[in-house]
C-alpha atoms as a PDB file:
ATOM      1  CA  UNK A   1      28.583 -21.980 337.913  1.00  0.00           C
ATOM      2  CA  UNK A   2      28.118 -20.548 334.227  1.00  0.00           C
ATOM      3  CA  UNK A   3      31.569 -18.751 334.648  1.00  0.00           C
ATOM      4  CA  UNK A   4      33.314 -21.986 334.783  1.00  0.00           C
ATOM      5  CA  UNK A   5      31.736 -23.340 331.573  1.00  0.00           C
ATOM      6  CA  UNK A   6      33.737 -24.040 328.405  1.00  0.00           C
ATOM      7  CA  UNK A   7      32.610 -25.044 325.143  1.00  0.00           C
ATOM      8  CA  UNK A   8      33.584 -27.117 321.913  1.00  0.00           C
ATOM      9  CA  UNK A   9      31.971 -26.705 318.437  1.00  0.00           C
ATOM     10  CA  UNK A  10      31.471 -28.828 315.413  1.00  0.00           C
ATOM     11  CA  UNK A  11      28.862 -29.296 312.575  1.00  0.00           C
ATOM     12  CA  UNK A  12      26.860 -31.865 310.995  1.00  0.00           C
ATOM     13  CA  UNK A  13      27.731 -31.697 307.262  1.00  0.00           C
ATOM     14  CA  UNK A  14      25.149 -32.626 305.039  1.00  0.00           C
ATOM     15  CA  UNK A  15      26.036 -33.538 301.383  1.00  0.00           C
ATOM     16  CA  UNK A  16      23.277 -33.174 298.779  1.00  0.00           C
ATOM     17  CA  UNK A  17      22.698 -35.003 295.619  1.00  0.00           C
ATOM     18  CA  UNK A  18      22.241 -32.903 292.451  1.00  0.00           C
ATOM     19  CA  UNK A  19      18.806 -31.435 292.189  1.00  0.00           C
ATOM     20  CA  UNK A  20      18.577 -32.121 296.285  1.00  0.00           C
ATOM     21  CA  UNK A  21      18.535 -28.155 297.344  1.00  0.00           C
ATOM     22  CA  UNK A  22      16.457 -27.203 300.369  1.00  0.00           C
ATOM     23  CA  UNK A  23      13.169 -25.755 299.965  1.00  0.00           C
ATOM     24  CA  UNK A  24      13.561 -23.892 303.375  1.00  0.00           C
ATOM     25  CA  UNK A  25      16.895 -23.272 305.504  1.00  0.00           C
ATOM     26  CA  UNK A  26      15.418 -23.107 308.959  1.00  0.00           C
ATOM     27  CA  UNK A  27      13.245 -25.336 311.051  1.00  0.00           C
ATOM     28  CA  UNK A  28      10.324 -23.956 313.011  1.00  0.00           C
ATOM     29  CA  UNK A  29      10.260 -23.990 316.659  1.00  0.00           C
ATOM     30  CA  UNK A  30       7.911 -26.887 317.116  1.00  0.00           C
ATOM     31  CA  UNK A  31      10.261 -29.226 315.052  1.00  0.00           C
ATOM     32  CA  UNK A  32      13.841 -27.939 315.923  1.00  0.00           C
ATOM     33  CA  UNK A  33      13.721 -29.670 319.177  1.00  0.00           C
ATOM     34  CA  UNK A  34      13.467 -33.179 316.918  1.00  0.00           C
ATOM     35  CA  UNK A  35      16.746 -32.309 315.266  1.00  0.00           C
ATOM     36  CA  UNK A  36      18.334 -31.451 318.427  1.00  0.00           C
ATOM     37  CA  UNK A  37      17.355 -34.954 319.797  1.00  0.00           C
ATOM     38  CA  UNK A  38      18.810 -36.757 316.833  1.00  0.00           C
ATOM     39  CA  UNK A  39      22.143 -35.068 317.029  1.00  0.00           C
ATOM     40  CA  UNK A  40      21.876 -35.587 320.858  1.00  0.00           C
ATOM     41  CA  UNK A  41      21.530 -39.459 320.195  1.00  0.00           C
ATOM     42  CA  UNK A  42      24.335 -39.671 317.409  1.00  0.00           C
ATOM     43  CA  UNK A  43      26.771 -37.949 319.790  1.00  0.00           C
ATOM     44  CA  UNK A  44      25.984 -40.292 322.542  1.00  0.00           C
ATOM     45  CA  UNK A  45      26.569 -42.993 320.353  1.00  0.00           C
ATOM     46  CA  UNK A  46      29.814 -41.570 319.222  1.00  0.00           C
ATOM     47  CA  UNK A  47      31.280 -39.914 322.239  1.00  0.00           C
ATOM     48  CA  UNK A  48      31.522 -41.792 325.482  1.00  0.00           C
ATOM     49  CA  UNK A  49      31.034 -39.566 328.648  1.00  0.00           C
ATOM     50  CA  UNK A  50      28.958 -36.807 326.512  1.00  0.00           C
ATOM     51  CA  UNK A  51      26.216 -37.106 329.018  1.00  0.00           C
ATOM     52  CA  UNK A  52      27.909 -34.422 331.195  1.00  0.00           C
ATOM     53  CA  UNK A  53      27.976 -32.048 328.451  1.00  0.00           C
ATOM     54  CA  UNK A  54      25.009 -29.446 327.454  1.00  0.00           C
ATOM     55  CA  UNK A  55      24.087 -29.339 323.493  1.00  0.00           C
ATOM     56  CA  UNK A  56      23.187 -26.174 321.672  1.00  0.00           C
ATOM     57  CA  UNK A  57      21.952 -26.674 317.985  1.00  0.00           C
ATOM     58  CA  UNK A  58      21.068 -24.187 315.158  1.00  0.00           C
ATOM     59  CA  UNK A  59      18.176 -25.979 313.420  1.00  0.00           C
ATOM     60  CA  UNK A  60      19.036 -24.387 310.244  1.00  0.00           C
ATOM     61  CA  UNK A  61      21.384 -25.099 307.240  1.00  0.00           C
ATOM     62  CA  UNK A  62      24.496 -22.885 306.516  1.00  0.00           C
ATOM     63  CA  UNK A  63      27.146 -22.533 303.861  1.00  0.00           C
ATOM     64  CA  UNK A  64      30.361 -23.151 305.220  1.00  0.00           C
ATOM     65  CA  UNK A  65      31.697 -19.605 304.490  1.00  0.00           C
ATOM     66  CA  UNK A  66      29.047 -18.548 306.866  1.00  0.00           C
ATOM     67  CA  UNK A  67      30.491 -20.747 309.601  1.00  0.00           C
ATOM     68  CA  UNK A  68      33.889 -20.188 308.874  1.00  0.00           C
ATOM     69  CA  UNK A  69      34.300 -16.427 309.911  1.00  0.00           C
ATOM     70  CA  UNK A  70      36.487 -14.870 312.409  1.00  0.00           C
ATOM     71  CA  UNK A  71      35.420 -15.130 315.863  1.00  0.00           C
ATOM     72  CA  UNK A  72      33.386 -18.135 314.703  1.00  0.00           C
ATOM     73  CA  UNK A  73      30.184 -16.043 315.369  1.00  0.00           C
ATOM     74  CA  UNK A  74      27.252 -18.747 314.899  1.00  0.00           C
ATOM     75  CA  UNK A  75      28.952 -21.046 317.530  1.00  0.00           C
ATOM     76  CA  UNK A  76      29.580 -18.268 319.986  1.00  0.00           C
ATOM     77  CA  UNK A  77      26.058 -17.138 319.489  1.00  0.00           C
ATOM     78  CA  UNK A  78      24.833 -20.741 320.346  1.00  0.00           C
ATOM     79  CA  UNK A  79      26.945 -20.811 323.563  1.00  0.00           C
ATOM     80  CA  UNK A  80      25.420 -17.444 324.482  1.00  0.00           C
ATOM     81  CA  UNK A  81      21.941 -18.434 324.015  1.00  0.00           C
ATOM     82  CA  UNK A  82      22.421 -21.958 325.517  1.00  0.00           C
ATOM     83  CA  UNK A  83      23.540 -20.445 328.953  1.00  0.00           C
ATOM     84  CA  UNK A  84      20.881 -17.674 328.513  1.00  0.00           C
ATOM     85  CA  UNK A  85      18.158 -20.431 328.368  1.00  0.00           C
ATOM     86  CA  UNK A  86      19.514 -21.741 331.721  1.00  0.00           C
ATOM     87  CA  UNK A  87      19.357 -18.614 333.763  1.00  0.00           C
ATOM     88  CA  UNK A  88      18.079 -20.765 336.805  1.00  0.00           C
ATOM     89  CA  UNK A  89      21.455 -22.776 336.950  1.00  0.00           C
ATOM     90  CA  UNK A  90      23.218 -24.676 334.133  1.00  0.00           C
ATOM     91  CA  UNK A  91      22.847 -28.444 333.800  1.00  0.00           C
ATOM     92  CA  UNK A  92      23.296 -30.785 330.776  1.00  0.00           C
ATOM     93  CA  UNK A  93      20.608 -30.353 328.549  1.00  0.00           C
ATOM     94  CA  UNK A  94      19.712 -29.975 324.742  1.00  0.00           C
ATOM     95  CA  UNK A  95      18.576 -26.413 323.533  1.00  0.00           C
ATOM     96  CA  UNK A  96      17.525 -26.218 319.848  1.00  0.00           C
ATOM     97  CA  UNK A  97      17.154 -22.957 318.340  1.00  0.00           C
ATOM     98  CA  UNK A  98      14.642 -22.828 315.281  1.00  0.00           C
ATOM     99  CA  UNK A  99      12.641 -20.152 313.561  1.00  0.00           C
ATOM    100  CA  UNK A 100       9.496 -18.463 314.396  1.00  0.00           C
ATOM    101  CA  UNK A 101       7.599 -16.624 311.646  1.00  0.00           C
ATOM    102  CA  UNK A 102      10.498 -17.589 309.251  1.00  0.00           C
ATOM    103  CA  UNK A 103      13.265 -15.949 311.045  1.00  0.00           C
ATOM    104  CA  UNK A 104      15.734 -17.446 313.668  1.00  0.00           C
ATOM    105  CA  UNK A 105      15.929 -16.117 317.208  1.00  0.00           C
ATOM    106  CA  UNK A 106      18.867 -13.693 316.478  1.00  0.00           C
ATOM    107  CA  UNK A 107      20.191 -12.072 313.302  1.00  0.00           C
ATOM    108  CA  UNK A 108      23.510 -14.000 313.969  1.00  0.00           C
ATOM    109  CA  UNK A 109      21.869 -17.227 313.475  1.00  0.00           C
ATOM    110  CA  UNK A 110      20.129 -16.119 310.090  1.00  0.00           C
ATOM    111  CA  UNK A 111      21.263 -18.234 307.101  1.00  0.00           C
ATOM    112  CA  UNK A 112      22.219 -16.147 304.317  1.00  0.00           C
ATOM    113  CA  UNK A 113      20.512 -17.578 301.372  1.00  0.00           C
ATOM    114  CA  UNK A 114      22.580 -15.536 298.707  1.00  0.00           C
ATOM    115  CA  UNK A 115      25.607 -18.220 300.014  1.00  0.00           C
ATOM    116  CA  UNK A 116      23.494 -21.245 299.428  1.00  0.00           C
ATOM    117  CA  UNK A 117      24.493 -23.284 296.163  1.00  0.00           C
ATOM    118  CA  UNK A 118      27.315 -25.834 297.390  1.00  0.00           C
ATOM    119  CA  UNK A 119      26.121 -29.225 297.534  1.00  0.00           C
ATOM    120  CA  UNK A 120      27.475 -29.367 301.131  1.00  0.00           C
ATOM    121  CA  UNK A 121      25.372 -27.680 303.949  1.00  0.00           C
ATOM    122  CA  UNK A 122      26.065 -27.660 307.658  1.00  0.00           C
ATOM    123  CA  UNK A 123      24.237 -27.833 310.984  1.00  0.00           C
ATOM    124  CA  UNK A 124      26.246 -26.161 313.540  1.00  0.00           C
ATOM    125  CA  UNK A 125      26.158 -27.112 317.087  1.00  0.00           C
ATOM    126  CA  UNK A 126      28.129 -26.462 320.351  1.00  0.00           C
ATOM    127  CA  UNK A 127      28.949 -28.656 323.347  1.00  0.00           C
ATOM    128  CA  UNK A 128      28.910 -26.988 326.513  1.00  0.00           C
ATOM    129  CA  UNK A 129      30.343 -28.154 330.076  1.00  0.00           C
ATOM    130  CA  UNK A 130      33.182 -27.765 332.442  1.00  0.00           C
ATOM    131  CA  UNK A 131      36.624 -27.409 331.273  1.00  0.00           C
ATOM    132  CA  UNK A 132      37.849 -30.972 332.005  1.00  0.00           C
ATOM    133  CA  UNK A 133      34.851 -32.552 330.193  1.00  0.00           C
ATOM    134  CA  UNK A 134      35.169 -30.129 327.106  1.00  0.00           C
ATOM    135  CA  UNK A 135      38.851 -30.953 326.655  1.00  0.00           C
ATOM    136  CA  UNK A 136      38.275 -34.819 326.791  1.00  0.00           C
ATOM    137  CA  UNK A 137      35.033 -34.616 324.367  1.00  0.00           C
ATOM    138  CA  UNK A 138      37.086 -32.249 322.069  1.00  0.00           C
ATOM    139  CA  UNK A 139      39.919 -34.702 321.866  1.00  0.00           C
ATOM    140  CA  UNK A 140      37.477 -37.587 321.250  1.00  0.00           C
ATOM    141  CA  UNK A 141      35.767 -35.601 318.235  1.00  0.00           C
ATOM    142  CA  UNK A 142      39.259 -34.950 316.854  1.00  0.00           C
ATOM    143  CA  UNK A 143      40.118 -38.483 317.123  1.00  0.00           C
ATOM    144  CA  UNK A 144      37.020 -40.096 315.848  1.00  0.00           C
ATOM    145  CA  UNK A 145      34.881 -38.035 313.797  1.00  0.00           C
ATOM    146  CA  UNK A 146      36.762 -38.585 310.632  1.00  0.00           C
ATOM    147  CA  UNK A 147      36.488 -42.355 310.522  1.00  0.00           C
ATOM    148  CA  UNK A 148      33.399 -42.879 312.671  1.00  0.00           C
ATOM    149  CA  UNK A 149      31.569 -39.588 312.457  1.00  0.00           C
ATOM    150  CA  UNK A 150      28.647 -40.864 309.994  1.00  0.00           C
ATOM    151  CA  UNK A 151      25.200 -39.860 311.203  1.00  0.00           C
ATOM    152  CA  UNK A 152      22.658 -42.369 312.059  1.00  0.00           C
ATOM    153  CA  UNK A 153      20.319 -43.279 309.165  1.00  0.00           C
ATOM    154  CA  UNK A 154      17.141 -41.837 311.147  1.00  0.00           C
ATOM    155  CA  UNK A 155      19.155 -38.568 311.481  1.00  0.00           C
ATOM    156  CA  UNK A 156      19.657 -38.428 307.591  1.00  0.00           C
ATOM    157  CA  UNK A 157      15.941 -39.327 307.025  1.00  0.00           C
ATOM    158  CA  UNK A 158      14.834 -36.960 309.400  1.00  0.00           C
ATOM    159  CA  UNK A 159      16.942 -34.011 307.618  1.00  0.00           C
ATOM    160  CA  UNK A 160      15.662 -35.050 304.279  1.00  0.00           C
ATOM    161  CA  UNK A 161      12.100 -34.970 305.406  1.00  0.00           C
ATOM    162  CA  UNK A 162      12.329 -31.696 307.514  1.00  0.00           C
ATOM    163  CA  UNK A 163      14.297 -29.741 305.152  1.00  0.00           C
ATOM    164  CA  UNK A 164      12.892 -31.483 301.961  1.00  0.00           C
ATOM    165  CA  UNK A 165      16.408 -32.081 300.688  1.00  0.00           C
ATOM    166  CA  UNK A 166      18.039 -35.271 299.150  1.00  0.00           C
ATOM    167  CA  UNK A 167      21.284 -35.963 300.819  1.00  0.00           C
ATOM    168  CA  UNK A 168      23.922 -38.285 299.752  1.00  0.00           C
ATOM    169  CA  UNK A 169      25.005 -38.745 303.467  1.00  0.00           C
ATOM    170  CA  UNK A 170      25.548 -36.850 306.504  1.00  0.00           C
ATOM    171  CA  UNK A 171      28.573 -36.696 308.764  1.00  0.00           C
ATOM    172  CA  UNK A 172      30.153 -34.955 311.903  1.00  0.00           C
ATOM    173  CA  UNK A 173      32.973 -32.594 311.439  1.00  0.00           C
ATOM    174  CA  UNK A 174      35.083 -30.740 313.906  1.00  0.00           C
ATOM    175  CA  UNK A 175      36.231 -27.114 313.161  1.00  0.00           C
ATOM    176  CA  UNK A 176      39.611 -28.535 312.031  1.00  0.00           C
ATOM    177  CA  UNK A 177      37.944 -30.864 309.779  1.00  0.00           C
ATOM    178  CA  UNK A 178      36.014 -28.202 308.220  1.00  0.00           C
ATOM    179  CA  UNK A 179      38.900 -26.045 307.657  1.00  0.00           C
ATOM    180  CA  UNK A 180      40.950 -28.933 305.948  1.00  0.00           C
ATOM    181  CA  UNK A 181      38.060 -29.540 303.650  1.00  0.00           C
ATOM    182  CA  UNK A 182      37.751 -25.894 302.732  1.00  0.00           C
ATOM    183  CA  UNK A 183      41.653 -25.729 302.405  1.00  0.00           C
ATOM    184  CA  UNK A 184      41.203 -28.676 299.751  1.00  0.00           C
ATOM    185  CA  UNK A 185      38.245 -26.866 298.060  1.00  0.00           C
ATOM    186  CA  UNK A 186      39.998 -23.639 297.407  1.00  0.00           C
ATOM    187  CA  UNK A 187      43.157 -25.372 296.249  1.00  0.00           C
ATOM    188  CA  UNK A 188      41.126 -27.327 293.689  1.00  0.00           C
ATOM    189  CA  UNK A 189      39.715 -24.123 292.228  1.00  0.00           C
ATOM    190  CA  UNK A 190      43.043 -22.329 292.341  1.00  0.00           C
ATOM    191  CA  UNK A 191      42.504 -20.270 295.289  1.00  0.00           C
ATOM    192  CA  UNK A 192      44.858 -21.997 297.571  1.00  0.00           C
ATOM    193  CA  UNK A 193      46.719 -18.788 298.782  1.00  0.00           C
ATOM    194  CA  UNK A 194      43.406 -17.137 299.801  1.00  0.00           C
ATOM    195  CA  UNK A 195      42.802 -19.848 302.382  1.00  0.00           C
ATOM    196  CA  UNK A 196      46.137 -18.797 304.273  1.00  0.00           C
ATOM    197  CA  UNK A 197      44.266 -15.724 304.764  1.00  0.00           C
ATOM    198  CA  UNK A 198      40.916 -16.995 305.821  1.00  0.00           C
ATOM    199  CA  UNK A 199      42.867 -19.567 308.119  1.00  0.00           C
ATOM    200  CA  UNK A 200      44.699 -16.638 309.791  1.00  0.00           C
ATOM    201  CA  UNK A 201      41.766 -14.751 310.445  1.00  0.00           C
ATOM    202  CA  UNK A 202      39.872 -17.914 311.882  1.00  0.00           C
ATOM    203  CA  UNK A 203      42.452 -19.298 314.022  1.00  0.00           C
ATOM    204  CA  UNK A 204      45.430 -16.957 314.449  1.00  0.00           C
ATOM    205  CA  UNK A 205      44.053 -13.317 314.164  1.00  0.00           C
ATOM    206  CA  UNK A 206      46.979 -11.835 316.005  1.00  0.00           C
ATOM    207  CA  UNK A 207      49.488 -13.116 313.300  1.00  0.00           C
ATOM    208  CA  UNK A 208      50.378 -11.352 310.187  1.00  0.00           C
ATOM    209  CA  UNK A 209      49.806 -13.146 306.772  1.00  0.00           C
ATOM    210  CA  UNK A 210      50.385 -12.343 303.205  1.00  0.00           C
ATOM    211  CA  UNK A 211      49.309 -13.951 299.956  1.00  0.00           C
ATOM    212  CA  UNK A 212      49.623 -13.300 296.345  1.00  0.00           C
ATOM    213  CA  UNK A 213      47.038 -14.614 294.021  1.00  0.00           C
ATOM    214  CA  UNK A 214      47.070 -15.103 290.134  1.00  0.00           C
ATOM    215  CA  UNK A 215      47.338 -11.709 288.272  1.00  0.00           C
ATOM    216  CA  UNK A 216      49.209 -10.119 290.859  1.00  0.00           C
ATOM    217  CA  UNK A 217      46.511  -9.539 293.470  1.00  0.00           C
ATOM    218  CA  UNK A 218      48.050  -9.067 296.896  1.00  0.00           C
ATOM    219  CA  UNK A 219      46.501  -9.739 300.382  1.00  0.00           C
ATOM    220  CA  UNK A 220      47.980  -8.645 303.522  1.00  0.00           C
ATOM    221  CA  UNK A 221      46.255  -9.604 306.968  1.00  0.00           C
ATOM    222  CA  UNK A 222      47.632  -7.557 310.052  1.00  0.00           C
ATOM    223  CA  UNK A 223      45.939  -6.877 313.300  1.00  0.00           C
ATOM    224  CA  UNK A 224      42.625  -8.255 312.271  1.00  0.00           C
ATOM    225  CA  UNK A 225      42.643  -5.844 308.998  1.00  0.00           C
ATOM    226  CA  UNK A 226      42.910  -6.989 305.452  1.00  0.00           C
ATOM    227  CA  UNK A 227      44.509  -4.942 302.714  1.00  0.00           C
ATOM    228  CA  UNK A 228      43.967  -5.771 299.227  1.00  0.00           C
ATOM    229  CA  UNK A 229      46.124  -4.470 296.118  1.00  0.00           C
ATOM    230  CA  UNK A 230      45.991  -5.197 292.564  1.00  0.00           C
ATOM    231  CA  UNK A 231      43.762  -4.475 289.433  1.00  0.00           C
ATOM    232  CA  UNK A 232      40.442  -4.125 291.061  1.00  0.00           C
ATOM    233  CA  UNK A 233      38.656  -4.657 287.938  1.00  0.00           C
ATOM    234  CA  UNK A 234      40.130  -7.901 287.235  1.00  0.00           C
ATOM    235  CA  UNK A 235      38.056 -11.126 287.769  1.00  0.00           C
ATOM    236  CA  UNK A 236      40.783 -12.462 290.232  1.00  0.00           C
ATOM    237  CA  UNK A 237      40.538  -9.317 292.276  1.00  0.00           C
ATOM    238  CA  UNK A 238      36.533  -9.370 292.366  1.00  0.00           C
ATOM    239  CA  UNK A 239      36.443 -13.147 293.023  1.00  0.00           C
ATOM    240  CA  UNK A 240      38.777 -12.922 295.733  1.00  0.00           C
ATOM    241  CA  UNK A 241      36.872  -9.878 297.407  1.00  0.00           C
ATOM    242  CA  UNK A 242      33.651 -12.138 296.962  1.00  0.00           C
ATOM    243  CA  UNK A 243      35.063 -14.787 298.664  1.00  0.00           C
ATOM    244  CA  UNK A 244      36.531 -12.990 301.627  1.00  0.00           C
ATOM    245  CA  UNK A 245      33.412 -10.991 301.969  1.00  0.00           C
ATOM    246  CA  UNK A 246      31.388 -14.556 302.315  1.00  0.00           C
ATOM    247  CA  UNK A 247      33.727 -15.429 305.095  1.00  0.00           C
ATOM    248  CA  UNK A 248      33.092 -12.213 307.060  1.00  0.00           C
ATOM    249  CA  UNK A 249      36.503 -10.584 306.134  1.00  0.00           C
ATOM    250  CA  UNK A 250      36.216  -6.867 304.993  1.00  0.00           C
ATOM    251  CA  UNK A 251      39.152  -5.628 302.700  1.00  0.00           C
ATOM    252  CA  UNK A 252      40.259  -2.050 302.159  1.00  0.00           C
ATOM    253  CA  UNK A 253      42.354  -0.850 299.311  1.00  0.00           C
ATOM    254  CA  UNK A 254      46.127   0.293 300.390  1.00  0.00           C
ATOM    255  CA  UNK A 255      46.729   3.657 301.474  1.00  0.00           C
ATOM    256  CA  UNK A 256      48.943   5.460 298.874  1.00  0.00           C
ATOM    257  CA  UNK A 257      50.904   8.630 299.201  1.00  0.00           C
ATOM    258  CA  UNK A 258      50.129  11.583 296.777  1.00  0.00           C
ATOM    259  CA  UNK A 259      52.780  12.518 294.311  1.00  0.00           C
END
């Protein structure tokens, strides 16, 4: 039966107030299930028919760059672990993955503290079910999350207490919602062209994409590989390389022919 399963993924986006940064990024195993239950209750309110779906939650906070990586590795790992936890036969259930001795179950799920600093942090989750159910729920999320996706006040309160944060609000976003938000953020800071490369790697890795940044830095994405050219000592080049690395995209220098 597991071979017939499919999934759709989303995040619970938590916007922090100034000075509201978390004191820890992962919930311990004994409280991870409480976060899964809170998210499950919210989704049951927002998405009619979700009772046919399983839910896998990473009980941790991530920067969006760690979520928006080629292949969506965190969501893919949640799908794998959800199925692994139900070896006796799949059924709609909530599986929540927290930390033991301060570490998540697998390295893929480990939040990178070096990326933390944005007021927006994300709790990723994956809904698992049969293809027809997944298609219906995915369409509902795309239609309704933007206008109706606020988390319940009880969920926000739990997040504040469990992670010792101070949040402005928490709302549910699809992958497409998150991509649109990231695109606006990069445009706001003058790095709009770099988003075309990240988006290509995320959504259409088989395509070619070319972008030119300020200062003449050029990015060429082809066949899953990124080539950067320009003045490697320039601030634009170094910033672009850091952004791409945070998104899990490694760049190589162009190959030049000897004179």
